[in-house]
Amino acid sequence: MSVDKTVFIMAAIRLVYAGLMLAAGLLMLRYNTVAQALRINGLLGLMGPFILITVSVLGIADMAGKVSISKLLVIITGVILIMYGTSK
C-alpha cells in the first residue's frame, strides 16, 4: 500500500499530537492536583488550533492544483468558520 506523502505528514502530525494528549493525561494523574491539571490542559488548548491550522494548510496546499478554485475556497471558508466558531 502506497501512502501519499502529504497524507503521511498530516497523519504523523495528528499522531504526535495524540501522543502529547496521552502524555498530558498521564501527567495530570501523576501530579494529582487540579491546579497542575488546569495548567497542562491550558497548554493543550493552545496547541489545538495550531495543529488544526497546520494540518489544514498542508492539505489545502496539496489540493491547490488538483481542485477548482471554488471548491478550494469552500474548504478554506470551512477552516475559517471552524476557527471562528470555536473562538471566545
N, C-alpha and C. Protein backbone atom coordinates (compact mmCIF):
# COMPACT_ATOMS: atom_id res chain seq x y z
N MET A 1 0.85 -1.18 0.00
CA MET A 1 0.00 0.00 0.00
C MET A 1 0.89 1.24 0.00
N SER A 2 0.61 2.13 -0.91
CA SER A 2 1.37 3.37 -1.03
C SER A 2 0.58 4.52 -0.41
N VAL A 3 1.23 5.25 0.48
CA VAL A 3 0.57 6.37 1.14
C VAL A 3 1.12 7.67 0.57
N ASP A 4 0.21 8.58 0.23
CA ASP A 4 0.60 9.89 -0.27
C ASP A 4 1.46 10.60 0.78
N LYS A 5 2.51 11.28 0.32
CA LYS A 5 3.44 11.95 1.23
C LYS A 5 2.73 12.98 2.12
N THR A 6 1.85 13.76 1.53
CA THR A 6 1.15 14.78 2.31
C THR A 6 0.23 14.16 3.34
N VAL A 7 -0.47 13.10 2.95
CA VAL A 7 -1.35 12.40 3.88
C VAL A 7 -0.54 11.82 5.03
N PHE A 8 0.64 11.27 4.72
CA PHE A 8 1.50 10.71 5.75
C PHE A 8 1.92 11.79 6.76
N ILE A 9 2.32 12.96 6.24
CA ILE A 9 2.74 14.05 7.13
C ILE A 9 1.57 14.53 7.98
N MET A 10 0.39 14.68 7.36
CA MET A 10 -0.80 15.10 8.11
C MET A 10 -1.12 14.11 9.22
N ALA A 11 -1.09 12.83 8.89
CA ALA A 11 -1.38 11.79 9.88
C ALA A 11 -0.32 11.76 10.97
N ALA A 12 0.94 11.94 10.58
CA ALA A 12 2.03 11.92 11.56
C ALA A 12 1.88 13.06 12.57
N ILE A 13 1.50 14.25 12.09
CA ILE A 13 1.28 15.38 12.99
C ILE A 13 0.17 15.05 13.98
N ARG A 14 -0.92 14.48 13.48
CA ARG A 14 -2.04 14.13 14.35
C ARG A 14 -1.65 13.03 15.35
N LEU A 15 -0.85 12.07 14.92
CA LEU A 15 -0.42 11.00 15.83
C LEU A 15 0.51 11.53 16.92
N VAL A 16 1.39 12.45 16.55
CA VAL A 16 2.26 13.07 17.56
C VAL A 16 1.41 13.85 18.55
N TYR A 17 0.43 14.59 18.04
CA TYR A 17 -0.46 15.35 18.92
C TYR A 17 -1.24 14.41 19.84
N ALA A 18 -1.68 13.28 19.31
CA ALA A 18 -2.40 12.30 20.14
C ALA A 18 -1.49 11.78 21.24
N GLY A 19 -0.23 11.56 20.91
CA GLY A 19 0.73 11.12 21.92
C GLY A 19 0.92 12.16 23.01
N LEU A 20 0.95 13.43 22.60
CA LEU A 20 1.06 14.52 23.58
C LEU A 20 -0.18 14.58 24.47
N MET A 21 -1.34 14.32 23.89
CA MET A 21 -2.58 14.32 24.68
C MET A 21 -2.54 13.19 25.71
N LEU A 22 -2.10 12.03 25.28
CA LEU A 22 -1.99 10.90 26.19
C LEU A 22 -0.99 11.20 27.31
N ALA A 23 0.16 11.75 26.94
CA ALA A 23 1.17 12.10 27.94
C ALA A 23 0.63 13.15 28.92
N ALA A 24 -0.13 14.10 28.40
CA ALA A 24 -0.71 15.13 29.27
C ALA A 24 -1.68 14.51 30.27
N GLY A 25 -2.50 13.57 29.80
CA GLY A 25 -3.42 12.89 30.70
C GLY A 25 -2.69 12.14 31.80
N LEU A 26 -1.61 11.48 31.42
CA LEU A 26 -0.80 10.76 32.41
C LEU A 26 -0.13 11.73 33.40
N LEU A 27 0.33 12.87 32.90
CA LEU A 27 0.92 13.87 33.79
C LEU A 27 -0.11 14.42 34.78
N MET A 28 -1.34 14.61 34.30
CA MET A 28 -2.41 15.07 35.20
C MET A 28 -2.60 14.08 36.34
N LEU A 29 -2.61 12.80 35.99
CA LEU A 29 -2.76 11.77 37.03
C LEU A 29 -1.57 11.74 37.97
N ARG A 30 -0.38 11.93 37.41
CA ARG A 30 0.83 11.89 38.23
C ARG A 30 0.87 13.04 39.23
N TYR A 31 0.59 14.27 38.76
CA TYR A 31 0.64 15.43 39.65
C TYR A 31 -0.54 15.46 40.61
N ASN A 32 -1.70 14.97 40.19
CA ASN A 32 -2.86 14.77 41.05
C ASN A 32 -3.33 16.03 41.76
N THR A 33 -3.19 17.19 41.11
CA THR A 33 -3.74 18.42 41.66
C THR A 33 -4.52 19.13 40.56
N VAL A 34 -5.59 19.79 40.96
CA VAL A 34 -6.42 20.50 39.99
C VAL A 34 -5.63 21.62 39.33
N ALA A 35 -4.80 22.32 40.11
CA ALA A 35 -4.02 23.44 39.56
C ALA A 35 -3.08 22.96 38.45
N GLN A 36 -2.38 21.87 38.68
CA GLN A 36 -1.46 21.34 37.66
C GLN A 36 -2.24 20.82 36.45
N ALA A 37 -3.36 20.17 36.71
CA ALA A 37 -4.18 19.66 35.61
C ALA A 37 -4.68 20.80 34.73
N LEU A 38 -5.06 21.92 35.35
CA LEU A 38 -5.51 23.07 34.57
C LEU A 38 -4.37 23.67 33.76
N ARG A 39 -3.18 23.72 34.31
CA ARG A 39 -2.02 24.22 33.56
C ARG A 39 -1.74 23.35 32.34
N ILE A 40 -1.75 22.06 32.55
CA ILE A 40 -1.50 21.12 31.46
C ILE A 40 -2.60 21.25 30.40
N ASN A 41 -3.83 21.34 30.85
CA ASN A 41 -4.96 21.48 29.94
C ASN A 41 -4.85 22.79 29.14
N GLY A 42 -4.39 23.84 29.79
CA GLY A 42 -4.22 25.12 29.12
C GLY A 42 -3.21 25.03 27.99
N LEU A 43 -2.11 24.32 28.24
CA LEU A 43 -1.10 24.14 27.19
C LEU A 43 -1.67 23.37 26.00
N LEU A 44 -2.45 22.35 26.30
CA LEU A 44 -3.08 21.58 25.22
C LEU A 44 -4.06 22.44 24.44
N GLY A 45 -4.79 23.29 25.15
CA GLY A 45 -5.74 24.18 24.50
C GLY A 45 -5.07 25.15 23.54
N LEU A 46 -3.88 25.57 23.88
CA LEU A 46 -3.14 26.47 22.99
C LEU A 46 -2.63 25.74 21.74
N MET A 47 -2.32 24.47 21.89
CA MET A 47 -1.77 23.70 20.78
C MET A 47 -2.84 23.26 19.77
N GLY A 48 -4.06 23.05 20.23
CA GLY A 48 -5.13 22.54 19.36
C GLY A 48 -5.34 23.33 18.08
N PRO A 49 -5.57 24.65 18.17
CA PRO A 49 -5.77 25.43 16.95
C PRO A 49 -4.55 25.41 16.03
N PHE A 50 -3.37 25.43 16.61
CA PHE A 50 -2.15 25.38 15.80
C PHE A 50 -2.08 24.09 14.99
N ILE A 51 -2.43 22.98 15.61
CA ILE A 51 -2.42 21.69 14.92
C ILE A 51 -3.47 21.69 13.81
N LEU A 52 -4.67 22.18 14.10
CA LEU A 52 -5.74 22.24 13.09
C LEU A 52 -5.29 23.05 11.88
N ILE A 53 -4.73 24.22 12.13
CA ILE A 53 -4.31 25.09 11.03
C ILE A 53 -3.17 24.45 10.24
N THR A 54 -2.21 23.87 10.93
CA THR A 54 -1.07 23.26 10.25
C THR A 54 -1.51 22.13 9.33
N VAL A 55 -2.33 21.23 9.86
CA VAL A 55 -2.79 20.09 9.05
C VAL A 55 -3.67 20.58 7.89
N SER A 56 -4.51 21.57 8.15
CA SER A 56 -5.38 22.10 7.09
C SER A 56 -4.57 22.77 5.99
N VAL A 57 -3.58 23.56 6.37
CA VAL A 57 -2.74 24.24 5.38
C VAL A 57 -2.01 23.22 4.50
N LEU A 58 -1.50 22.16 5.12
CA LEU A 58 -0.83 21.12 4.34
C LEU A 58 -1.78 20.51 3.31
N GLY A 59 -2.99 20.19 3.74
CA GLY A 59 -3.97 19.60 2.84
C GLY A 59 -4.39 20.55 1.74
N ILE A 60 -4.63 21.80 2.10
CA ILE A 60 -5.05 22.80 1.11
C ILE A 60 -3.93 23.05 0.10
N ALA A 61 -2.70 23.15 0.58
CA ALA A 61 -1.57 23.38 -0.32
C ALA A 61 -1.43 22.23 -1.32
N ASP A 62 -1.63 21.01 -0.87
CA ASP A 62 -1.52 19.87 -1.76
C ASP A 62 -2.66 19.82 -2.77
N MET A 63 -3.84 20.25 -2.35
CA MET A 63 -5.01 20.20 -3.23
C MET A 63 -5.08 21.39 -4.19
N ALA A 64 -4.27 22.41 -3.98
CA ALA A 64 -4.38 23.65 -4.74
C ALA A 64 -4.39 23.44 -6.25
N GLY A 65 -3.57 22.55 -6.74
CA GLY A 65 -3.54 22.33 -8.18
C GLY A 65 -4.47 21.25 -8.66
N LYS A 66 -5.19 20.60 -7.76
CA LYS A 66 -5.99 19.43 -8.12
C LYS A 66 -7.49 19.68 -8.13
N VAL A 67 -7.95 20.74 -7.46
CA VAL A 67 -9.40 21.01 -7.41
C VAL A 67 -9.65 22.43 -7.91
N SER A 68 -10.89 22.70 -8.24
CA SER A 68 -11.24 24.03 -8.75
C SER A 68 -11.09 25.07 -7.64
N ILE A 69 -10.90 26.29 -8.06
CA ILE A 69 -10.71 27.39 -7.12
C ILE A 69 -11.95 27.56 -6.24
N SER A 70 -13.14 27.31 -6.77
CA SER A 70 -14.36 27.46 -5.97
C SER A 70 -14.41 26.42 -4.84
N LYS A 71 -14.02 25.20 -5.13
CA LYS A 71 -14.00 24.16 -4.09
C LYS A 71 -12.92 24.46 -3.06
N LEU A 72 -11.79 24.97 -3.51
CA LEU A 72 -10.71 25.34 -2.60
C LEU A 72 -11.17 26.46 -1.66
N LEU A 73 -11.91 27.41 -2.19
CA LEU A 73 -12.46 28.49 -1.35
C LEU A 73 -13.45 27.97 -0.33
N VAL A 74 -14.24 26.97 -0.70
CA VAL A 74 -15.18 26.36 0.25
C VAL A 74 -14.41 25.69 1.39
N ILE A 75 -13.34 25.00 1.06
CA ILE A 75 -12.52 24.33 2.09
C ILE A 75 -11.90 25.36 3.02
N ILE A 76 -11.32 26.41 2.45
CA ILE A 76 -10.70 27.47 3.25
C ILE A 76 -11.74 28.14 4.14
N THR A 77 -12.92 28.41 3.57
CA THR A 77 -14.01 29.00 4.35
C THR A 77 -14.41 28.10 5.51
N GLY A 78 -14.44 26.81 5.27
CA GLY A 78 -14.77 25.85 6.33
C GLY A 78 -13.78 25.91 7.49
N VAL A 79 -12.50 25.98 7.16
CA VAL A 79 -11.47 26.07 8.20
C VAL A 79 -11.64 27.37 8.99
N ILE A 80 -11.87 28.46 8.27
CA ILE A 80 -12.07 29.77 8.94
C ILE A 80 -13.29 29.73 9.83
N LEU A 81 -14.38 29.11 9.37
CA LEU A 81 -15.59 29.03 10.19
C LEU A 81 -15.38 28.18 11.43
N ILE A 82 -14.59 27.11 11.32
CA ILE A 82 -14.27 26.30 12.48
C ILE A 82 -13.52 27.15 13.51
N MET A 83 -12.53 27.91 13.04
CA MET A 83 -11.75 28.75 13.95
C MET A 83 -12.65 29.83 14.58
N TYR A 84 -13.50 30.45 13.78
CA TYR A 84 -14.40 31.48 14.29
C TYR A 84 -15.41 30.90 15.29
N GLY A 85 -15.98 29.76 14.94
CA GLY A 85 -16.99 29.13 15.78
C GLY A 85 -16.48 28.63 17.11
N THR A 86 -15.19 28.37 17.18
CA THR A 86 -14.64 27.85 18.44
C THR A 86 -13.87 28.91 19.23
N SER A 87 -13.84 30.14 18.72
CA SER A 87 -13.14 31.21 19.45
C SER A 87 -14.06 31.80 20.50
N LYS A 88 -13.46 32.47 21.45
CA LYS A 88 -14.25 33.08 22.54
C LYS A 88 -14.40 34.54 22.30
